[in-house]
Protein backbone atom coordinates (compact mmCIF):
# COMPACT_ATOMS: atom_id res chain seq x y z
CA MET A 1 -2.48 -108.08 -97.07
CA ALA A 2 -6.04 -108.90 -96.17
CA THR A 3 -7.29 -108.12 -92.67
CA ARG A 4 -8.89 -110.98 -90.65
CA ALA A 5 -10.78 -111.00 -87.37
CA ARG A 6 -9.38 -114.18 -86.17
CA ALA A 7 -7.71 -117.15 -87.83
CA HIS A 8 -10.30 -118.96 -90.19
CA GLU A 9 -12.68 -116.21 -90.17
CA PRO A 10 -13.95 -114.26 -93.28
CA VAL A 11 -11.79 -111.38 -94.55
CA ILE A 12 -13.01 -108.00 -93.11
CA HIS A 13 -11.40 -105.78 -95.78
CA THR A 14 -8.33 -105.69 -97.99
CA ALA A 15 -5.43 -103.67 -97.21
CA GLY A 16 -5.48 -100.42 -98.79
CA ARG A 17 -9.10 -100.55 -100.07
CA VAL A 18 -12.63 -99.62 -98.82
CA PRO A 19 -15.11 -102.21 -99.55
CA PRO A 20 -17.83 -101.00 -102.00
CA ALA A 21 -20.83 -99.46 -99.87
CA ALA A 22 -23.37 -100.65 -102.51
CA PRO A 23 -21.97 -103.35 -104.60
CA GLN A 24 -24.11 -103.82 -107.85
CA PHE A 25 -25.08 -107.48 -108.44
CA SER A 26 -26.51 -108.86 -111.67
CA VAL A 27 -27.90 -112.09 -112.75
CA ILE A 28 -26.37 -114.05 -115.41
CA TYR A 29 -28.80 -117.07 -115.52
CA GLU A 30 -31.84 -118.08 -113.38
CA SER A 31 -34.13 -121.02 -113.19
CA ASP A 32 -36.25 -123.05 -110.71
CA THR A 33 -32.97 -124.80 -109.44
CA TYR A 34 -30.14 -122.35 -110.12
CA VAL A 35 -29.11 -118.74 -109.84
CA CYS A 36 -26.03 -117.61 -111.47
CA VAL A 37 -24.89 -113.90 -110.29
CA ASN A 38 -21.97 -111.70 -111.47
CA LYS A 39 -20.32 -111.49 -108.25
CA PRO A 40 -18.83 -107.82 -107.57
CA PHE A 41 -15.02 -107.49 -106.30
CA ASP A 42 -14.65 -107.22 -102.64
CA VAL A 43 -17.95 -108.78 -101.51
CA ARG A 44 -18.19 -111.89 -99.64
CA VAL A 45 -20.10 -115.16 -100.62
CA ASP A 46 -21.69 -115.70 -97.61
CA GLY A 47 -21.35 -115.05 -93.65
CA GLU A 48 -22.86 -112.50 -91.35
CA HIS A 49 -22.23 -109.36 -93.51
CA GLU A 50 -24.32 -106.54 -95.01
CA HIS A 51 -23.63 -107.74 -98.46
CA THR A 52 -23.18 -111.08 -99.60
CA VAL A 53 -24.07 -113.34 -102.62
CA ASP A 54 -26.38 -115.55 -100.70
CA LYS A 55 -28.07 -112.72 -99.15
CA PHE A 56 -28.69 -111.29 -102.57
CA VAL A 57 -29.99 -114.56 -104.07
CA ALA A 58 -32.15 -115.28 -100.94
CA ALA A 59 -33.79 -111.66 -101.38
CA ARG A 60 -34.42 -112.19 -105.12
CA LEU A 61 -36.24 -115.58 -104.03
CA ARG A 62 -38.26 -113.92 -101.37
CA ASP A 63 -41.51 -114.38 -103.23
CA LYS A 64 -40.79 -117.99 -103.87
CA LEU A 65 -39.40 -118.69 -100.49
CA ASP A 66 -42.04 -120.08 -97.63
CA GLU A 67 -40.52 -117.98 -94.87
CA ALA A 68 -42.73 -119.28 -92.39
CA SER A 69 -41.49 -122.92 -93.23
CA ALA A 70 -38.01 -123.92 -92.34
CA SER A 71 -38.46 -127.05 -94.65
CA SER A 72 -38.87 -124.94 -97.88
CA PRO A 73 -36.83 -126.61 -100.46
CA LEU A 74 -35.86 -123.35 -102.03
CA LYS A 75 -32.70 -122.08 -100.31
CA PRO A 76 -29.46 -120.67 -101.59
CA ARG A 77 -26.74 -123.21 -101.54
CA LEU A 78 -23.12 -122.75 -102.36
CA VAL A 79 -21.63 -125.13 -104.77
CA HIS A 80 -18.16 -123.65 -105.55
CA GLN A 81 -16.20 -120.48 -104.21
CA LEU A 82 -14.76 -117.35 -105.24
CA ASP A 83 -12.09 -115.31 -103.26
CA TYR A 84 -13.41 -112.24 -101.51
CA SER A 85 -11.55 -110.05 -104.16
CA THR A 86 -12.51 -111.90 -107.24
CA SER A 87 -15.44 -110.79 -109.24
CA GLY A 88 -17.45 -112.75 -111.97
CA VAL A 89 -19.54 -115.89 -112.22
CA MET A 90 -20.94 -117.23 -109.02
CA LEU A 91 -23.40 -120.11 -109.43
CA MET A 92 -25.79 -121.14 -106.55
CA ALA A 93 -28.07 -123.90 -106.25
CA LEU A 94 -31.64 -123.61 -104.88
CA THR A 95 -32.36 -127.26 -103.99
CA ARG A 96 -30.41 -129.96 -102.34
CA GLN A 97 -30.56 -132.17 -105.31
CA ALA A 98 -29.30 -129.47 -107.70
CA ALA A 99 -26.41 -128.64 -105.23
CA ASN A 100 -25.34 -132.30 -105.06
CA TYR A 101 -25.38 -132.65 -108.84
CA VAL A 102 -23.23 -129.44 -109.56
CA ALA A 103 -20.91 -129.95 -106.45
CA ARG A 104 -19.97 -133.47 -107.85
CA GLN A 105 -18.93 -131.97 -111.08
CA PHE A 106 -16.64 -129.60 -109.43
CA GLU A 107 -15.16 -132.47 -107.23
CA THR A 108 -14.59 -134.47 -110.46
CA ARG A 109 -13.42 -131.49 -112.44
CA ALA A 110 -15.86 -131.94 -115.04
CA THR A 111 -16.68 -128.38 -115.12
CA LYS A 112 -14.59 -126.07 -117.31
CA LYS A 113 -13.54 -122.45 -116.12
CA ALA A 114 -11.73 -119.41 -117.47
CA TYR A 115 -10.59 -116.37 -115.86
CA LEU A 116 -9.41 -112.74 -116.82
CA ALA A 117 -6.60 -111.03 -114.99
CA LEU A 118 -4.53 -107.91 -115.42
CA VAL A 119 -1.17 -108.27 -114.44
CA TYR A 120 2.13 -106.13 -114.08
CA GLY A 121 4.89 -106.63 -116.70
CA SER A 122 5.44 -107.61 -120.61
CA VAL A 123 4.31 -111.12 -121.05
CA CYS A 124 6.81 -112.73 -123.64
CA ASP A 125 4.96 -115.99 -124.40
CA THR A 126 1.54 -115.91 -125.85
CA ALA A 127 0.46 -119.34 -124.16
CA HIS A 128 2.10 -121.05 -121.08
CA VAL A 129 1.28 -123.78 -118.89
CA VAL A 130 2.22 -123.69 -115.25
CA ASN A 131 2.65 -126.81 -113.23
CA ARG A 132 3.46 -125.83 -109.81
CA ALA A 133 2.18 -127.65 -106.51
CA ILE A 134 0.65 -125.50 -103.97
CA GLY A 135 1.13 -125.95 -100.08
CA ALA A 136 -0.55 -124.31 -97.04
CA THR A 137 1.26 -122.18 -94.32
CA ASP A 138 0.45 -121.32 -90.88
CA GLY A 139 -1.57 -118.44 -92.02
CA PHE A 140 -3.72 -117.11 -94.54
CA GLU A 141 -1.43 -117.27 -97.40
CA MET A 142 -0.57 -120.46 -99.56
CA ARG A 143 2.72 -121.15 -101.00
CA LEU A 144 4.29 -122.77 -104.12
CA VAL A 145 6.06 -125.95 -103.31
CA ASP A 146 8.97 -127.54 -105.42
CA GLU A 147 11.97 -129.69 -105.51
CA THR A 148 13.89 -127.57 -102.92
CA ASP A 149 11.30 -128.11 -100.23
CA SER A 150 11.56 -131.04 -97.83
CA ASP A 151 9.90 -134.59 -98.71
CA ALA A 152 7.24 -133.90 -95.93
CA GLU A 153 6.38 -130.53 -97.32
CA ARG A 154 6.34 -131.82 -100.84
CA SER A 155 4.15 -134.81 -99.74
CA LYS A 156 1.45 -132.48 -98.34
CA ALA A 157 1.46 -130.17 -101.23
CA LYS A 158 -1.36 -130.48 -104.00
CA ALA A 159 -0.42 -130.62 -107.72
CA ALA A 160 -1.86 -127.58 -109.63
CA THR A 161 -1.94 -126.65 -113.20
CA THR A 162 -2.92 -123.47 -115.14
CA HIS A 163 -2.96 -122.57 -118.81
CA VAL A 164 -2.03 -118.87 -119.46
CA TYR A 165 -2.79 -116.90 -122.45
CA ALA A 166 -1.66 -113.34 -123.07
CA LEU A 167 -4.67 -111.63 -124.81
CA SER A 168 -3.29 -108.05 -124.77
CA GLU A 169 -0.71 -105.59 -123.47
CA GLY A 170 -0.44 -102.14 -122.57
CA PHE A 171 0.18 -100.00 -119.66
CA TYR A 172 -1.48 -99.60 -116.12
CA ARG A 173 -0.72 -96.27 -114.39
CA GLY A 174 2.47 -95.95 -116.64
CA GLN A 175 3.82 -99.60 -116.07
CA PRO A 176 3.97 -102.32 -118.66
CA ALA A 177 0.92 -104.67 -117.91
CA ALA A 178 -1.05 -107.51 -119.75
CA LYS A 179 -4.45 -109.01 -119.83
CA LEU A 180 -4.31 -112.84 -119.39
CA LEU A 181 -6.82 -115.62 -120.07
CA LEU A 182 -6.25 -118.07 -117.38
CA VAL A 183 -7.84 -121.64 -117.59
CA PRO A 184 -7.28 -123.65 -114.36
CA ILE A 185 -7.17 -127.42 -114.63
CA THR A 186 -7.22 -127.77 -111.03
CA GLY A 187 -8.86 -125.56 -108.49
CA ARG A 188 -6.63 -125.02 -105.52
CA ARG A 189 -7.02 -122.04 -103.06
CA HIS A 190 -5.15 -119.03 -104.51
CA GLN A 191 -4.09 -121.20 -107.40
CA LEU A 192 -4.41 -118.19 -110.02
CA ARG A 193 -2.75 -115.70 -108.11
CA LEU A 194 0.21 -117.82 -107.16
CA HIS A 195 0.72 -119.19 -110.75
CA CYS A 196 0.75 -115.64 -112.04
CA GLN A 197 3.43 -114.67 -109.36
CA SER A 198 5.33 -117.51 -110.43
CA LEU A 199 5.72 -116.32 -113.95
CA GLY A 200 6.92 -112.78 -112.45
CA HIS A 201 3.62 -111.21 -113.25
CA THR A 202 1.73 -110.25 -109.97
CA ILE A 203 -2.15 -109.48 -110.56
CA ILE A 204 -2.62 -105.87 -110.13
CA GLY A 205 -4.26 -105.12 -106.75
CA ASP A 206 -3.30 -108.52 -105.22
CA ALA A 207 -2.78 -107.26 -101.73
CA THR A 208 -1.83 -110.80 -100.38
CA TYR A 209 0.87 -111.86 -103.01
CA GLY A 210 1.68 -108.56 -104.76
CA GLN A 211 3.32 -105.20 -103.48
CA ASP A 212 0.96 -102.48 -104.79
CA SER A 213 -1.74 -102.08 -101.96
CA HIS A 214 0.42 -100.94 -99.13
CA TRP A 215 -0.65 -97.33 -99.07
CA PRO A 216 -2.97 -96.23 -96.27
CA LEU A 217 -6.79 -97.59 -96.55
CA GLY A 218 -8.46 -95.26 -99.22
CA ASP A 219 -5.38 -93.90 -100.69
CA PRO A 220 -5.89 -93.36 -104.38
CA ARG A 221 -2.62 -94.63 -105.02
CA ASN A 222 -3.71 -98.19 -104.20
CA PRO A 223 -5.45 -100.16 -107.14
CA GLU A 224 -9.23 -99.71 -106.98
CA ARG A 225 -9.61 -103.78 -106.96
CA MET A 226 -7.71 -106.93 -107.61
CA TYR A 227 -7.92 -107.45 -111.28
CA LEU A 228 -9.17 -111.01 -111.27
CA HIS A 229 -12.62 -112.04 -112.90
CA ALA A 230 -14.34 -115.40 -113.17
CA TYR A 231 -14.97 -115.04 -116.89
CA MET A 232 -16.60 -118.29 -117.87
CA LEU A 233 -18.03 -121.50 -116.32
CA ALA A 234 -19.29 -124.41 -118.42
CA VAL A 235 -21.35 -126.93 -116.43
CA ASP A 236 -24.10 -129.34 -116.61
CA LEU A 237 -27.52 -127.96 -115.07
CA SER A 238 -29.77 -130.77 -116.47
CA LEU A 239 -29.92 -132.77 -113.16
CA SER A 240 -30.01 -135.87 -115.30
CA ALA A 241 -26.88 -137.91 -116.42
CA SER A 242 -28.81 -139.23 -119.34
CA ALA A 243 -29.58 -135.79 -120.44
CA ALA A 244 -26.31 -134.16 -119.73
CA SER A 245 -25.72 -130.90 -121.75
CA MET A 246 -23.00 -128.16 -120.79
CA SER A 247 -24.43 -124.65 -120.42
CA LEU A 248 -21.76 -121.85 -120.58
CA LEU A 249 -22.19 -119.01 -118.16
CA ALA A 250 -20.35 -115.89 -118.61
CA ALA A 251 -19.78 -112.69 -116.93
CA PRO A 252 -18.80 -109.74 -119.31
CA ASP A 253 -15.31 -108.62 -119.45
CA PRO A 254 -14.99 -105.67 -116.77
CA PHE A 255 -11.45 -104.79 -117.68
CA ILE A 256 -12.07 -103.21 -121.08
CA GLY A 257 -10.41 -99.88 -121.32
CA VAL A 258 -8.40 -100.17 -118.09
CA LEU A 259 -5.04 -100.61 -119.85
CA GLU A 260 -3.60 -97.74 -121.57
CA ASP A 261 -2.50 -97.98 -125.11
CA GLU A 262 -3.81 -101.68 -125.19
CA ARG A 263 -2.54 -103.91 -128.17
CA THR A 264 -4.23 -107.44 -129.04
CA ARG A 265 -2.08 -110.30 -128.89
CA LEU A 266 -4.35 -112.97 -130.18
CA SER A 267 -6.61 -113.09 -132.98
CA GLU A 268 -10.40 -114.12 -132.85
CA LYS A 269 -9.70 -117.51 -134.42
CA ASP A 270 -7.16 -118.17 -132.01
CA LEU A 271 -9.31 -117.36 -129.13
CA LEU A 272 -12.10 -119.44 -130.42
CA GLN A 273 -9.70 -122.50 -130.74
CA ILE A 274 -8.47 -121.88 -127.12
CA PHE A 275 -12.06 -121.96 -126.08
CA ARG A 276 -12.86 -125.13 -127.82
CA SER A 277 -9.84 -127.01 -126.72
CA HIS A 278 -10.72 -126.36 -123.12
CA GLY A 279 -14.34 -127.48 -123.40
CA LEU A 280 -15.79 -123.96 -123.18
CA VAL A 281 -18.07 -125.39 -125.98
CA ASP A 282 -20.62 -122.56 -126.27
CA ALA A 283 -18.26 -119.88 -126.23
CA SER A 284 -19.56 -117.27 -128.40
CA ARG A 285 -18.49 -114.40 -130.76
CA GLY A 286 -19.74 -111.95 -128.33
CA ALA A 287 -17.26 -113.33 -125.58
CA VAL A 288 -14.40 -112.90 -128.13
CA GLU A 289 -15.35 -109.34 -128.87
CA ASP A 290 -15.36 -108.53 -125.19
CA LEU A 291 -12.07 -109.83 -124.81
CA GLN A 292 -10.51 -107.96 -127.72
CA GLY A 293 -12.06 -104.76 -126.93
CA ILE A 294 -14.05 -104.69 -130.26
CA ARG A 295 -17.04 -103.42 -128.77
CA ALA A 296 -15.39 -100.72 -126.65
CA ALA A 297 -13.76 -99.47 -129.85
CA ALA A 298 -16.83 -99.60 -132.02
């Protein structure tokens, strides 16, 4: 389980893992109004910590920022969230107008997202839709809510839907495992982790909802990370509703080669159809090659 300083404070570290001493950030997209970063795993988005996404972006903008003026319009602004343990696409706005424009898209579900996950077990169905409501607990964790819960608990829960696609299967440290493409329709806290768990396929390295990170801190038997990655984000960056155009931001698949004896479950044609059906309109051949490990095998 994640260690916390006090209730509602940022995660200090994840049980069983030592945070990276020098996390490697990279920039996916950059303009005068937005910066999109490939966020490393076990790195915080903001807060008073040595390495955060907003500190990286601020440092990159140092030449543009007027540090002598508190009214400078160029400042990193959060428009969405990623869990501490999750890597991948993280978009930040640089002006108030840009932040408001994109934040509204997240609120109205106009953005489209896709994630990659490595999970334990052999996945029977190639495609699955999970409709399981999510509710809060008294602590850090969230929980699935269903008809066995009280009327009061069900009334407070929020509906959540995730499309799940089995991309490949193989083994992780000798155990059956699979790579999944996860397309969330809603954006509930810990939604993907709970929905994978509900299928009987816990995400490898999930120290909150899984059971594989219980060894002492730094023990090599613990997975090196939680294998969840924000892979694609389709979002309108035009700042003009009349000239709206979706841009696809993608962070390369970091899980190529992790599974042993990996075997593909979906064809390139199937993957392209999945991307298009979910509004990931600029999904490229390169993205499909990453997912199927074609580049790694070349």
